[in-house]
Amino acid sequence: MKPDTVEGLTWPEHLQPGAVRLSWTSAHYDETIAFYRDIVGLPVIGEFSDSFGEDGTLLGLPGLSTHLEIVRGHGLPATADPLGQLVFYLSGAAAMASATAPLRDAAVPTDPDPHPYWAARGATVHLDPDDRRVVFAPWVFGAEPEPGSAA
């Protein structure tokens, strides 16, 4: 099985996206952009200002068909849902250590109480400036055995 496909699983005929974007609001916009751009290392692929009253930054993932949009929040800061996570699946402990080294070097805090699933699987969970969880997992979902599972 290739890591980017699940055998027999395709987009429904009526839904054939050319790209997918995850978007969220940030109460700490400038710090959050710097976090994902400078520490995590996602490239900026676009920015917008005063677009229907919103400012935002688009951060690219490989192929530009998947990207993360951060929109400047207005008003009171929102509370981050502990299950609202960005997960990076990495091939092994060495890849996970390499990916998280910039976060450790920048003293980015880890989640003091990560979800038991991630703790049991050996993942590292950092908090972004809005306290959203950024998970670094030491296996590639669908392509490698899940650590600690009966698979």
Protein backbone atom coordinates (compact mmCIF):
# COMPACT_ATOMS: atom_id res chain seq x y z
CA MET A 1 0.00 0.00 0.00
CA LYS A 2 1.35 3.42 -0.92
CA PRO A 3 1.32 5.91 1.98
CA ASP A 4 -0.86 8.37 0.04
CA THR A 5 -3.65 5.94 -0.85
CA VAL A 6 -5.93 3.47 0.84
CA GLU A 7 -6.74 0.58 -1.43
CA GLY A 8 -10.16 0.94 -3.00
CA LEU A 9 -10.78 4.32 -1.38
CA THR A 10 -11.22 7.34 -3.63
CA TRP A 11 -12.96 10.69 -3.48
CA PRO A 12 -16.70 10.37 -4.12
CA GLU A 13 -17.61 11.08 -7.74
CA HIS A 14 -19.40 14.30 -6.77
CA LEU A 15 -16.44 15.54 -4.69
CA GLN A 16 -13.13 15.79 -6.55
CA PRO A 17 -11.17 18.58 -4.84
CA GLY A 18 -8.03 20.00 -6.38
CA ALA A 19 -6.89 21.18 -2.95
CA VAL A 20 -7.93 21.00 0.72
CA ARG A 21 -7.41 23.81 3.25
CA LEU A 22 -7.67 23.70 7.02
CA SER A 23 -8.41 27.16 8.44
CA TRP A 24 -8.54 28.50 11.96
CA THR A 25 -8.59 31.79 13.79
CA SER A 26 -5.65 32.91 15.87
CA ALA A 27 -5.84 35.26 18.85
CA HIS A 28 -2.02 35.51 18.69
CA TYR A 29 -1.76 35.89 14.92
CA ASP A 30 1.78 37.26 14.50
CA GLU A 31 3.25 34.78 16.99
CA THR A 32 1.31 31.90 15.43
CA ILE A 33 2.51 32.74 11.90
CA ALA A 34 6.10 32.95 13.16
CA PHE A 35 5.66 29.61 14.96
CA TYR A 36 4.44 27.68 11.90
CA ARG A 37 6.74 29.50 9.45
CA ASP A 38 9.98 29.86 11.41
CA ILE A 39 9.91 27.01 13.92
CA VAL A 40 7.79 24.25 12.35
CA GLY A 41 9.11 25.26 8.92
CA LEU A 42 5.96 25.47 6.79
CA PRO A 43 6.46 27.79 3.79
CA VAL A 44 4.18 30.81 3.34
CA ILE A 45 2.32 30.34 0.04
CA GLY A 46 0.07 33.38 0.28
CA GLU A 47 -1.20 36.22 2.41
CA PHE A 48 -4.28 38.42 2.33
CA SER A 49 -5.23 41.68 3.96
CA ASP A 50 -8.68 43.15 4.46
CA SER A 51 -10.32 40.39 2.45
CA PHE A 52 -13.96 40.78 3.48
CA GLY A 53 -12.64 42.23 6.73
CA GLU A 54 -10.09 39.49 7.43
CA ASP A 55 -6.30 39.22 7.32
CA GLY A 56 -4.64 35.86 6.92
CA THR A 57 -1.65 33.78 5.92
CA LEU A 58 -1.61 30.52 3.96
CA LEU A 59 1.07 28.00 4.88
CA GLY A 60 1.81 25.30 2.33
CA LEU A 61 2.31 21.62 2.72
CA PRO A 62 3.89 19.44 0.00
CA GLY A 63 2.40 19.90 -3.43
CA LEU A 64 0.40 22.97 -2.32
CA SER A 65 -2.75 20.83 -2.53
CA THR A 66 -3.02 20.83 1.26
CA HIS A 67 -2.51 23.97 3.25
CA LEU A 68 -3.14 25.60 6.59
CA GLU A 69 -4.76 29.04 6.79
CA ILE A 70 -4.37 31.21 9.88
CA VAL A 71 -6.81 34.13 10.17
CA ARG A 72 -6.22 37.06 12.49
CA GLY A 73 -8.74 36.80 15.33
CA HIS A 74 -10.90 39.74 16.34
CA GLY A 75 -12.19 40.16 19.86
CA LEU A 76 -11.71 37.79 22.75
CA PRO A 77 -9.26 34.91 22.45
CA ALA A 78 -10.91 31.56 21.82
CA THR A 79 -10.15 28.58 24.01
CA ALA A 80 -8.32 25.87 22.07
CA ASP A 81 -10.10 22.54 21.91
CA PRO A 82 -7.61 19.88 23.11
CA LEU A 83 -8.82 17.58 20.32
CA GLY A 84 -8.30 20.27 17.65
CA GLN A 85 -4.86 19.08 16.59
CA LEU A 86 -2.48 19.34 13.67
CA VAL A 87 -0.77 15.95 13.34
CA PHE A 88 2.47 15.26 11.51
CA TYR A 89 3.07 11.53 10.98
CA LEU A 90 6.81 10.89 10.67
CA SER A 91 8.68 7.72 9.83
CA GLY A 92 10.34 6.66 13.08
CA ALA A 93 11.83 8.17 16.20
CA ALA A 94 14.80 9.75 14.40
CA ALA A 95 12.49 11.61 11.98
CA MET A 96 10.36 12.75 14.90
CA ALA A 97 13.43 13.96 16.83
CA SER A 98 14.64 15.87 13.77
CA ALA A 99 11.24 17.50 13.19
CA THR A 100 10.87 18.55 16.81
CA ALA A 101 14.45 19.79 17.30
CA PRO A 102 13.59 23.38 16.23
CA LEU A 103 10.68 23.39 18.70
CA ARG A 104 12.91 22.14 21.52
CA ASP A 105 15.61 24.68 20.59
CA ALA A 106 13.00 27.47 20.69
CA ALA A 107 11.69 26.18 24.06
CA VAL A 108 8.19 25.69 22.62
CA PRO A 109 6.11 24.19 25.43
CA THR A 110 4.86 20.64 25.26
CA ASP A 111 1.35 19.67 26.25
CA PRO A 112 1.55 18.97 30.00
CA ASP A 113 -1.29 16.46 29.71
CA PRO A 114 -1.32 15.00 26.18
CA HIS A 115 -4.18 12.79 25.09
CA PRO A 116 -3.51 9.23 26.34
CA TYR A 117 -3.56 7.94 22.73
CA TRP A 118 -0.55 10.08 21.79
CA ALA A 119 1.27 9.32 25.04
CA ALA A 120 0.81 5.56 24.50
CA ARG A 121 2.11 5.84 20.92
CA GLY A 122 5.29 7.77 21.79
CA ALA A 123 4.22 11.01 20.11
CA THR A 124 5.43 14.45 21.13
CA VAL A 125 2.77 17.14 21.51
CA HIS A 126 3.73 20.83 21.44
CA LEU A 127 1.50 23.85 22.00
CA ASP A 128 1.35 26.66 19.45
CA PRO A 129 0.88 30.30 20.58
CA ASP A 130 -2.90 29.75 20.70
CA ASP A 131 -2.46 26.57 22.81
CA ARG A 132 -3.49 24.32 19.90
CA ARG A 133 -1.87 20.91 19.91
CA VAL A 134 0.75 20.14 17.24
CA VAL A 135 1.41 16.41 17.32
CA PHE A 136 4.54 14.74 15.99
CA ALA A 137 3.89 10.99 15.73
CA PRO A 138 6.67 8.45 15.15
CA TRP A 139 4.92 6.44 12.42
CA VAL A 140 3.27 7.15 9.09
CA PHE A 141 -0.47 6.57 9.35
CA GLY A 142 -1.61 3.85 6.96
CA ALA A 143 1.91 2.95 5.86
CA GLU A 144 3.67 1.81 9.04
CA PRO A 145 2.52 -0.15 12.08
CA GLU A 146 1.09 2.03 14.82
CA PRO A 147 3.33 1.83 17.92
CA GLY A 148 1.69 0.13 20.88
CA SER A 149 -1.23 -1.20 18.84
CA ALA A 150 -2.20 -4.79 18.27
CA ALA A 151 -1.99 -4.27 14.46
